[in-house]
Protein backbone atom coordinates (compact mmCIF):
# COMPACT_ATOMS: atom_id res chain seq x y z
CA MET A 1 2.50 -10.08 -4.55
CA ALA A 2 6.02 -10.50 -3.29
CA SER A 3 6.23 -8.25 -0.24
CA LEU A 4 4.39 -6.26 2.40
CA GLU A 5 5.90 -3.07 0.99
CA GLU A 6 4.50 -3.83 -2.48
CA LEU A 7 1.01 -4.46 -1.06
CA GLN A 8 1.23 -1.28 1.02
CA GLN A 9 2.01 0.76 -2.11
CA LEU A 10 -0.84 -0.81 -4.13
CA ALA A 11 -3.60 -0.92 -1.51
CA GLU A 12 -5.65 2.26 -1.13
CA LEU A 13 -7.93 2.81 1.86
CA ILE A 14 -11.43 3.36 0.43
CA ASP A 15 -13.78 3.01 3.40
CA ILE A 16 -14.21 2.49 7.14
CA ILE A 17 -17.16 0.25 8.01
CA TYR A 18 -18.78 -0.21 11.42
CA TYR A 19 -20.21 -3.71 11.93
CA GLU A 20 -21.20 -3.27 15.56
CA VAL A 21 -21.17 -0.59 18.22
CA SER A 22 -22.98 -1.50 21.42
CA GLY A 23 -22.89 -1.02 25.15
CA ARG A 24 -24.70 -2.15 28.26
CA ARG A 25 -24.52 -0.93 31.84
CA SER A 26 -23.92 -3.53 34.55
CA ASP A 27 -26.35 -2.03 37.03
CA GLY A 28 -30.12 -1.85 36.71
CA PHE A 29 -32.70 -4.54 36.15
CA ASP A 30 -31.57 -8.02 35.11
CA GLN A 31 -33.54 -9.79 32.42
CA PRO A 32 -33.48 -13.56 31.85
CA GLY A 33 -30.90 -14.54 29.24
CA ASP A 34 -29.18 -11.16 29.07
CA GLY A 35 -25.77 -12.60 30.01
CA THR A 36 -25.62 -11.01 33.46
CA GLU A 37 -25.05 -14.40 35.08
CA GLU A 38 -21.40 -14.26 34.00
CA GLU A 39 -20.08 -11.98 36.72
CA GLU A 40 -16.91 -10.17 35.68
CA THR A 41 -14.64 -8.87 38.40
CA ASP A 42 -11.63 -7.66 36.38
CA ASP A 43 -11.63 -4.94 33.73
CA ARG A 44 -10.46 -6.41 30.43
CA ALA A 45 -10.41 -5.92 26.67
CA ASP A 46 -10.52 -8.83 24.23
CA ILE A 47 -9.40 -7.78 20.76
CA GLN A 48 -9.77 -9.84 17.59
CA LEU A 49 -8.27 -9.20 14.17
CA MET A 50 -9.93 -10.64 11.04
CA GLN A 51 -9.20 -10.24 7.34
CA ARG A 52 -10.76 -11.18 4.02
CA MET A 53 -9.49 -10.78 0.45
CA GLN A 54 -12.00 -10.82 -2.38
CA GLY A 55 -10.95 -9.84 -5.88
CA ASN A 56 -9.19 -6.50 -5.57
CA ARG A 57 -10.56 -5.68 -2.10
CA LEU A 58 -8.99 -6.47 1.24
CA ALA A 59 -11.08 -5.95 4.38
CA VAL A 60 -9.42 -5.96 7.79
CA ARG A 61 -11.72 -5.98 10.83
CA THR A 62 -10.80 -5.21 14.41
CA ARG A 63 -13.32 -6.18 17.10
CA ALA A 64 -13.02 -5.19 20.74
CA LEU A 65 -15.06 -6.43 23.67
CA VAL A 66 -14.38 -4.25 26.71
CA ILE A 67 -15.75 -5.25 30.10
CA THR A 68 -15.46 -3.05 33.17
CA SER A 69 -17.15 -3.17 36.55
CA GLU A 70 -19.64 -0.61 35.19
CA GLY A 71 -20.51 -2.06 31.80
CA ARG A 72 -19.80 -3.99 28.64
CA MET A 73 -18.97 -2.35 25.30
CA VAL A 74 -18.38 -3.80 21.84
CA ALA A 75 -16.94 -2.14 18.76
CA ASP A 76 -16.32 -3.91 15.44
CA VAL A 77 -14.68 -1.75 12.76
CA ALA A 78 -13.25 -2.62 9.34
CA ALA A 79 -10.86 -0.84 7.03
CA LEU A 80 -11.57 -1.59 3.37
CA PHE A 81 -8.62 -1.41 1.00
CA GLN A 82 -8.64 -1.72 -2.79
CA THR A 83 -5.88 -2.56 -5.25
CA PRO A 84 -5.97 -1.38 -8.90
CA GLU A 85 -6.56 -4.98 -10.04
CA PRO A 86 -7.08 -8.36 -8.34
CA VAL A 87 -3.90 -9.64 -6.71
CA SER A 88 -2.84 -12.92 -5.18
CA ILE A 89 -1.53 -12.31 -1.68
CA PRO A 90 0.27 -15.01 0.30
CA ALA A 91 -1.34 -15.58 3.70
CA SER A 92 1.78 -14.45 5.56
CA ILE A 93 1.84 -11.08 3.75
CA ALA A 94 -1.92 -10.56 4.19
CA LYS A 95 -1.58 -11.32 7.91
CA ARG A 96 1.33 -8.92 8.31
CA PHE A 97 -0.55 -6.21 6.34
CA ALA A 98 -3.51 -6.61 8.71
CA GLU A 99 -1.27 -6.39 11.77
CA VAL A 100 1.08 -3.59 10.74
CA ILE A 101 -0.83 -1.45 8.23
CA ALA A 102 -4.56 -1.91 8.85
CA THR A 103 -4.64 -2.14 12.65
CA PRO A 104 -3.27 1.39 13.10
CA VAL A 105 -5.99 2.58 10.69
CA THR A 106 -8.89 0.92 12.54
CA ARG A 107 -7.64 1.50 16.09
CA PRO A 108 -8.73 5.18 16.45
CA TYR A 109 -12.24 4.33 15.21
CA LEU A 110 -12.43 1.41 17.63
CA ARG A 111 -11.28 3.56 20.55
CA GLU A 112 -13.74 6.33 19.67
CA ALA A 113 -16.69 3.91 19.43
CA ILE A 114 -15.87 2.35 22.83
CA HIS A 115 -15.44 5.80 24.38
CA GLN A 116 -18.71 7.15 22.94
CA SER A 117 -20.64 4.07 24.10
CA ALA A 118 -19.36 4.59 27.65
CA VAL A 119 -20.22 8.30 27.56
CA LYS A 120 -23.77 7.57 26.34
CA LEU A 121 -24.19 4.96 29.08
CA GLY A 122 -22.95 7.44 31.70
CA ILE A 123 -20.09 5.22 32.86
CA ALA A 124 -16.35 5.79 33.08
CA ALA A 125 -14.83 5.56 29.61
CA PRO A 126 -12.13 2.88 29.43
CA LEU A 127 -8.90 3.89 27.76
CA LEU A 128 -7.60 1.45 25.17
CA SER A 129 -3.93 1.90 24.40
CA VAL A 130 -3.11 3.85 21.26
CA LEU A 131 -1.58 0.75 19.68
CA ASP A 132 -0.97 -2.61 21.26
CA LEU A 133 2.44 -3.77 20.10
CA GLU A 134 1.37 -7.41 20.56
CA ASP A 135 -1.53 -6.84 18.16
CA VAL A 136 0.79 -5.69 15.39
CA GLY A 137 3.28 -8.45 15.98
CA LEU A 138 6.06 -6.28 17.36
CA LEU A 139 5.99 -8.12 20.70
CA PRO A 140 5.26 -11.80 21.30
CA THR A 141 1.66 -12.54 22.29
CA VAL A 142 1.36 -13.68 25.89
CA ALA A 143 -2.41 -13.74 26.37
CA ARG A 144 -5.56 -12.72 24.50
CA ARG A 145 -7.06 -10.91 27.51
CA LYS A 146 -5.58 -7.48 27.92
CA PRO A 147 -6.13 -5.17 30.90
CA VAL A 148 -7.95 -1.94 30.19
CA GLY A 149 -5.94 1.10 31.06
């Protein structure tokens, strides 16, 4: 595999997989060991990008942890791509594919899962940006914690 463009032409999106969708309100009754001892004062979203190539399948996962004054929500979504036959992809091309091609695919599912969790919990739904340019490598990364808004 020589280029991102070549991988983009070969890789077909075959599935979207949810690994986790969860939410918890901040108010209510505290239970021992439920993590409420870590008081959060600022709204934030921590986003992680993971990838795995196995044979002719490339999975790219995006995981978001969103914490607001009202609650904590997690969404972990993967886009599964398949090539016609197994390919050898240099790490730099696989990383760029995850950032530029797969992240825009998973982002709407991630946003919807976070939004629906907030709605079900009866708290204000945080708005994640449509696409974080730092996440796709179009801006230099300054920090892993990103404000919600």
